[in-house]
Amino acid sequence: MGDYADLAGVRTWYETEGSGDPLVLLHGGFCTNDTWGAQLPELAVSYRLYLPERRAHGRTPDVEGPLAYTDMAGDTVAFLESVVGGPAHLVGWSDGGVVALLTALARPDLVRRMVVIGATFRPASEAFVAPEMLDALTPDSADMAFFRELYVAASPDGPDHWPAVATRMIDMWRTQPTLDAGDLAAVRAPTLVIAGDDDLMTLEHTAALYRALHDARLAVVPGASHLVPLEQPAEVDRLILGHLAGGEAGTMMPVLRAPGPAPDRDATG
C-alpha cells in the first residue's frame, strides 16, 4: 500500500507492509523501493515495514538546491515523527545506510536498532575501492542506464529532469558524507554493519566504520558485491532479523567488547 506524506517541504512517497514493530527500509542512491523486493516477504512476517522514497528518488519529487545527506536525514526524522509516530528500527542500504547513521546521530530517541549495508562515512575519494569510477559517470553514460530507467519509470518530475538529479547526486558522492570517528562514536543504536567482500567500499573503510561505532557488529558476506541484498537475500534477511531481535550472546574471547576500559578501536596492531 502506498501514499504520500507531506513532510516539511518534501511530498514523500512511502509504502507499508506487514505487521509488528516498526522497521523503516532506506533504499540506495538512485534507487526505488522496488530494490527491496527480495527482503519484503521475510521481513514483513515479523515487522511493520515502512518504505519511504527520498527526495528526487522514485515517486518523490525533487527539491531545489543541492542534494545533501543531512537533508535526507532530516526528512527521515520528519517521517519517523509524522508517519511512523515514534522510534523504529532502521535498515539502510548504501546511501540509505548513510542516511540511517545521520538520523541516529540527529535523533537517537527515534532509532532503536540499526543495520547499514554497504555504507560509507566519508566521500567516495576516501572510501571507494576505485574512486575514479565517478569520473566516468554522467547522466547519459552506460553505467547509469539502469538507474536512469528506474528514474524515468517512476519520477513525477518527468524524464527531462534526470540530468539535473544525476549531476547533483554524483556531486554529493564526491563531497559527502563527512563524518569522522568521533561522530560515529556518538551513535548509540546497536548497529550491524554488512558488506560484501567485493563491495564498492574498501574493506578497510568498512572495518573503520565498524570499529568507530559504540555498539556494533560486523558481517562481511563472502562472494558478494555492493548488491548483496539481491545476490544473497536469504543470508541478508537472516542477518537483519537476528540483529533486530537483539539478545546477542557474549563471545568466549572478547576484545573490542571486553569488560573494563575499551581498547583503542583505531589500533591496527
Protein backbone atom coordinates (compact mmCIF):
# COMPACT_ATOMS: atom_id res chain seq x y z
CA MET A 1 0.00 0.00 0.00
CA GLY A 2 1.40 3.41 -0.94
CA ASP A 3 0.58 7.04 -0.21
CA TYR A 4 2.16 10.48 0.03
CA ALA A 5 3.15 12.18 3.28
CA ASP A 6 3.52 15.95 3.25
CA LEU A 7 6.72 16.45 5.18
CA ALA A 8 8.37 19.85 5.61
CA GLY A 9 8.96 20.92 2.02
CA VAL A 10 9.04 17.38 0.59
CA ARG A 11 5.98 15.47 -0.57
CA THR A 12 7.29 11.98 0.19
CA TRP A 13 6.01 8.74 -1.31
CA TYR A 14 6.05 5.75 1.04
CA GLU A 15 4.73 2.21 1.18
CA THR A 16 3.81 -0.06 4.07
CA GLU A 17 3.60 -3.80 4.52
CA GLY A 18 3.45 -6.39 7.29
CA SER A 19 2.73 -6.07 10.99
CA GLY A 20 4.67 -5.82 14.22
CA ASP A 21 7.29 -3.38 15.49
CA PRO A 22 8.07 -0.59 13.01
CA LEU A 23 11.02 -1.12 10.65
CA VAL A 24 12.00 1.58 8.15
CA LEU A 25 13.82 0.46 4.98
CA LEU A 26 16.01 3.14 3.38
CA HIS A 27 16.92 2.40 -0.25
CA GLY A 28 20.20 3.15 -2.03
CA GLY A 29 21.15 6.12 -4.18
CA PHE A 30 19.26 6.48 -7.48
CA CYS A 31 17.08 3.53 -6.39
CA THR A 32 13.42 2.99 -5.55
CA ASN A 33 11.53 0.79 -3.13
CA ASP A 34 11.47 -1.92 -5.78
CA THR A 35 15.08 -2.80 -4.92
CA TRP A 36 13.88 -4.14 -1.53
CA GLY A 37 11.72 -6.76 -3.23
CA ALA A 38 13.90 -9.69 -2.16
CA GLN A 39 13.65 -8.68 1.52
CA LEU A 40 9.97 -7.81 1.86
CA PRO A 41 8.40 -11.28 2.16
CA GLU A 42 10.65 -12.38 5.03
CA LEU A 43 10.85 -9.08 6.94
CA ALA A 44 7.11 -8.38 6.69
CA VAL A 45 6.35 -11.54 8.66
CA SER A 46 7.80 -10.02 11.83
CA TYR A 47 7.72 -6.24 11.30
CA ARG A 48 5.53 -3.40 10.13
CA LEU A 49 7.60 -2.17 7.20
CA TYR A 50 7.77 1.48 6.14
CA LEU A 51 9.49 2.27 2.85
CA PRO A 52 9.92 5.99 2.12
CA GLU A 53 11.40 7.12 -1.19
CA ARG A 54 13.74 10.05 -0.55
CA ARG A 55 13.67 13.44 -2.27
CA ALA A 56 14.47 13.12 -6.01
CA HIS A 57 14.07 9.33 -5.86
CA GLY A 58 11.25 7.15 -7.12
CA ARG A 59 7.84 8.79 -6.82
CA THR A 60 9.10 11.55 -4.50
CA PRO A 61 9.73 14.79 -6.43
CA ASP A 62 12.97 16.73 -6.48
CA VAL A 63 13.52 19.89 -4.46
CA GLU A 64 15.53 22.99 -5.31
CA GLY A 65 19.17 23.33 -4.32
CA PRO A 66 21.98 20.84 -3.75
CA LEU A 67 21.26 17.32 -2.56
CA ALA A 68 22.68 16.54 0.87
CA TYR A 69 22.65 13.50 3.13
CA THR A 70 21.90 15.75 6.11
CA ASP A 71 18.71 17.00 4.46
CA MET A 72 17.69 13.42 3.67
CA ALA A 73 18.27 12.52 7.32
CA GLY A 74 16.07 15.47 8.30
CA ASP A 75 13.36 14.11 6.01
CA THR A 76 13.72 10.71 7.70
CA VAL A 77 13.34 12.27 11.14
CA ALA A 78 10.16 14.00 9.96
CA PHE A 79 8.91 10.72 8.51
CA LEU A 80 9.52 8.89 11.79
CA GLU A 81 7.70 11.58 13.73
CA SER A 82 4.72 12.12 11.44
CA VAL A 83 4.14 8.78 9.71
CA VAL A 84 5.68 6.09 11.91
CA GLY A 85 4.74 8.03 15.01
CA GLY A 86 7.79 7.19 17.10
CA PRO A 87 11.02 5.22 17.30
CA ALA A 88 11.72 2.43 14.83
CA HIS A 89 14.43 0.09 13.64
CA LEU A 90 16.30 1.34 10.56
CA VAL A 91 17.82 -0.73 7.75
CA GLY A 92 19.74 1.35 5.22
CA TRP A 93 21.48 0.16 2.06
CA SER A 94 24.30 2.25 0.52
CA ASP A 95 23.12 5.90 0.60
CA GLY A 96 20.29 4.69 2.82
CA GLY A 97 22.90 3.48 5.31
CA VAL A 98 24.48 6.94 5.39
CA VAL A 99 21.04 8.47 5.99
CA ALA A 100 20.42 5.95 8.79
CA LEU A 101 23.68 6.87 10.54
CA LEU A 102 22.91 10.59 10.31
CA THR A 103 19.37 10.03 11.55
CA ALA A 104 20.68 8.11 14.56
CA LEU A 105 23.07 10.98 15.31
CA ALA A 106 20.43 13.67 14.96
CA ARG A 107 17.66 11.91 16.86
CA PRO A 108 18.86 8.94 18.91
CA ASP A 109 15.46 8.79 20.59
CA LEU A 110 13.88 7.75 17.28
CA VAL A 111 16.25 4.89 16.39
CA ARG A 112 16.04 1.56 18.18
CA ARG A 113 18.39 -0.82 16.34
CA MET A 114 20.07 -0.29 13.01
CA VAL A 115 21.52 -2.22 10.07
CA VAL A 116 23.71 -0.47 7.49
CA ILE A 117 24.64 -2.28 4.27
CA GLY A 118 27.46 -1.10 2.03
CA ALA A 119 27.56 2.30 3.75
CA THR A 120 30.25 4.98 3.84
CA PHE A 121 31.05 7.72 6.31
CA ARG A 122 33.48 9.67 4.11
CA PRO A 123 33.37 10.89 0.46
CA ALA A 124 33.94 8.46 -2.40
CA SER A 125 37.56 9.52 -2.87
CA GLU A 126 38.34 8.20 0.62
CA ALA A 127 36.00 5.21 0.72
CA PHE A 128 35.67 3.59 -2.70
CA VAL A 129 37.92 0.82 -3.98
CA ALA A 130 38.02 2.65 -7.33
CA PRO A 131 37.09 6.31 -6.73
CA GLU A 132 37.97 7.14 -10.34
CA MET A 133 34.74 5.42 -11.35
CA LEU A 134 32.93 8.69 -10.57
CA ASP A 135 34.86 10.42 -13.34
CA ALA A 136 33.16 8.16 -15.90
CA LEU A 137 29.65 8.74 -14.55
CA THR A 138 27.49 11.20 -16.45
CA PRO A 139 23.70 11.31 -16.80
CA ASP A 140 23.94 9.66 -20.23
CA SER A 141 26.73 7.13 -19.53
CA ALA A 142 26.12 3.42 -20.00
CA ASP A 143 26.84 2.72 -16.33
CA MET A 144 23.89 4.91 -15.39
CA ALA A 145 21.39 3.24 -17.74
CA PHE A 146 19.81 1.04 -15.05
CA PHE A 147 19.30 3.98 -12.68
CA ARG A 148 18.10 6.21 -15.48
CA GLU A 149 15.40 3.66 -16.34
CA LEU A 150 14.29 3.47 -12.69
CA TYR A 151 14.02 7.24 -12.55
CA VAL A 152 12.13 7.65 -15.81
CA ALA A 153 9.63 4.94 -14.85
CA ALA A 154 8.70 6.48 -11.51
CA SER A 155 9.59 10.16 -11.14
CA PRO A 156 6.76 12.70 -11.13
CA ASP A 157 9.28 15.25 -12.45
CA GLY A 158 9.49 13.54 -15.84
CA PRO A 159 12.42 12.12 -17.82
CA ASP A 160 13.81 15.52 -18.82
CA HIS A 161 14.68 16.21 -15.17
CA TRP A 162 17.00 13.20 -14.92
CA PRO A 163 20.25 15.03 -15.86
CA ALA A 164 19.76 17.59 -13.08
CA VAL A 165 19.22 14.89 -10.45
CA ALA A 166 22.05 12.67 -11.69
CA THR A 167 24.58 15.50 -11.73
CA ARG A 168 23.72 16.63 -8.19
CA MET A 169 23.79 13.08 -6.83
CA ILE A 170 27.25 12.42 -8.28
CA ASP A 171 28.43 15.74 -6.82
CA MET A 172 27.09 14.63 -3.44
CA TRP A 173 29.09 11.40 -3.60
CA ARG A 174 32.26 13.38 -4.35
CA THR A 175 31.96 15.56 -1.26
CA GLN A 176 29.76 13.75 1.27
CA PRO A 177 29.33 12.37 3.88
CA THR A 178 31.94 13.98 6.13
CA LEU A 179 31.69 12.04 9.39
CA ASP A 180 34.71 11.06 11.47
CA ALA A 181 35.38 8.50 14.18
CA GLY A 182 34.27 10.91 16.88
CA ASP A 183 30.91 11.43 15.18
CA LEU A 184 30.37 7.70 14.76
CA ALA A 185 31.23 7.01 18.40
CA ALA A 186 28.21 9.14 19.36
CA VAL A 187 25.81 6.72 17.64
CA ARG A 188 24.14 4.77 20.44
CA ALA A 189 21.80 2.48 18.50
CA PRO A 190 23.15 -1.10 18.36
CA THR A 191 24.27 -1.41 14.75
CA LEU A 192 25.04 -4.29 12.39
CA VAL A 193 27.43 -3.33 9.58
CA ILE A 194 27.08 -5.55 6.49
CA ALA A 195 29.25 -5.50 3.37
CA GLY A 196 30.10 -7.80 0.50
CA ASP A 197 33.69 -8.99 0.34
CA ASP A 198 33.86 -7.35 -3.11
CA ASP A 199 31.94 -4.18 -2.23
CA LEU A 200 32.33 -0.70 -3.70
CA MET A 201 33.82 0.38 -0.39
CA THR A 202 37.20 -0.88 0.71
CA LEU A 203 37.13 -3.44 3.48
CA GLU A 204 39.38 -1.09 5.42
CA HIS A 205 36.73 1.63 5.27
CA THR A 206 34.02 -0.80 6.37
CA ALA A 207 36.19 -2.01 9.24
CA ALA A 208 36.85 1.60 10.29
CA LEU A 209 33.09 2.24 10.36
CA TYR A 210 32.53 -0.85 12.50
CA ARG A 211 35.37 -0.03 14.89
CA ALA A 212 34.27 3.58 15.38
CA LEU A 213 30.68 2.77 16.35
CA HIS A 214 29.94 2.43 20.04
CA ASP A 215 27.92 -0.80 19.85
CA ALA A 216 28.44 -2.62 16.56
CA ARG A 217 28.72 -6.00 14.91
CA LEU A 218 30.29 -6.71 11.53
CA ALA A 219 29.29 -9.16 8.80
CA VAL A 220 31.34 -9.44 5.61
CA VAL A 221 29.41 -11.70 3.24
CA PRO A 222 31.67 -13.89 1.07
CA GLY A 223 31.16 -13.97 -2.66
CA ALA A 224 29.09 -10.79 -2.61
CA SER A 225 29.26 -7.27 -4.05
CA HIS A 226 27.55 -3.97 -3.25
CA LEU A 227 24.34 -5.69 -4.37
CA VAL A 228 24.47 -8.30 -1.62
CA PRO A 229 20.75 -7.95 -0.67
CA LEU A 230 19.89 -9.00 -4.24
CA GLU A 231 22.64 -11.59 -4.56
CA GLN A 232 22.17 -13.36 -1.23
CA PRO A 233 18.74 -12.32 0.10
CA ALA A 234 18.29 -15.27 2.44
CA GLU A 235 21.62 -14.57 4.17
CA VAL A 236 20.95 -10.84 4.41
CA ASP A 237 17.46 -11.49 5.82
CA ARG A 238 18.94 -13.87 8.40
CA LEU A 239 21.49 -11.28 9.48
CA ILE A 240 18.94 -8.47 9.68
CA LEU A 241 16.38 -10.48 11.64
CA GLY A 242 18.99 -11.83 14.03
CA HIS A 243 20.30 -8.38 14.83
CA LEU A 244 16.91 -6.74 15.22
CA ALA A 245 15.83 -9.50 17.60
CA GLY A 246 18.65 -8.46 19.94
CA GLY A 247 19.90 -10.57 22.78
CA GLU A 248 23.40 -11.03 21.37
CA ALA A 249 25.30 -13.58 23.43
CA GLY A 250 28.73 -12.67 24.74
CA THR A 251 31.68 -14.24 22.99
CA MET A 252 34.17 -16.56 24.69
CA MET A 253 37.18 -14.35 23.97
CA PRO A 254 36.03 -10.70 23.70
CA VAL A 255 38.48 -7.97 22.76
CA LEU A 256 36.62 -4.89 21.49
CA ARG A 257 33.66 -5.84 23.69
CA ALA A 258 35.71 -6.91 26.70
CA PRO A 259 34.53 -5.57 30.07
CA GLY A 260 36.53 -2.75 31.59
CA PRO A 261 38.34 0.04 29.74
CA ALA A 262 37.70 -0.24 26.00
CA PRO A 263 40.74 -0.94 23.83
CA ASP A 264 41.75 1.56 21.17
CA ARG A 265 39.36 0.67 18.33
CA ASP A 266 41.58 2.55 15.88
CA ALA A 267 44.66 0.49 16.69
CA THR A 268 45.94 -1.69 13.89
CA GLY A 269 48.45 -3.76 15.78
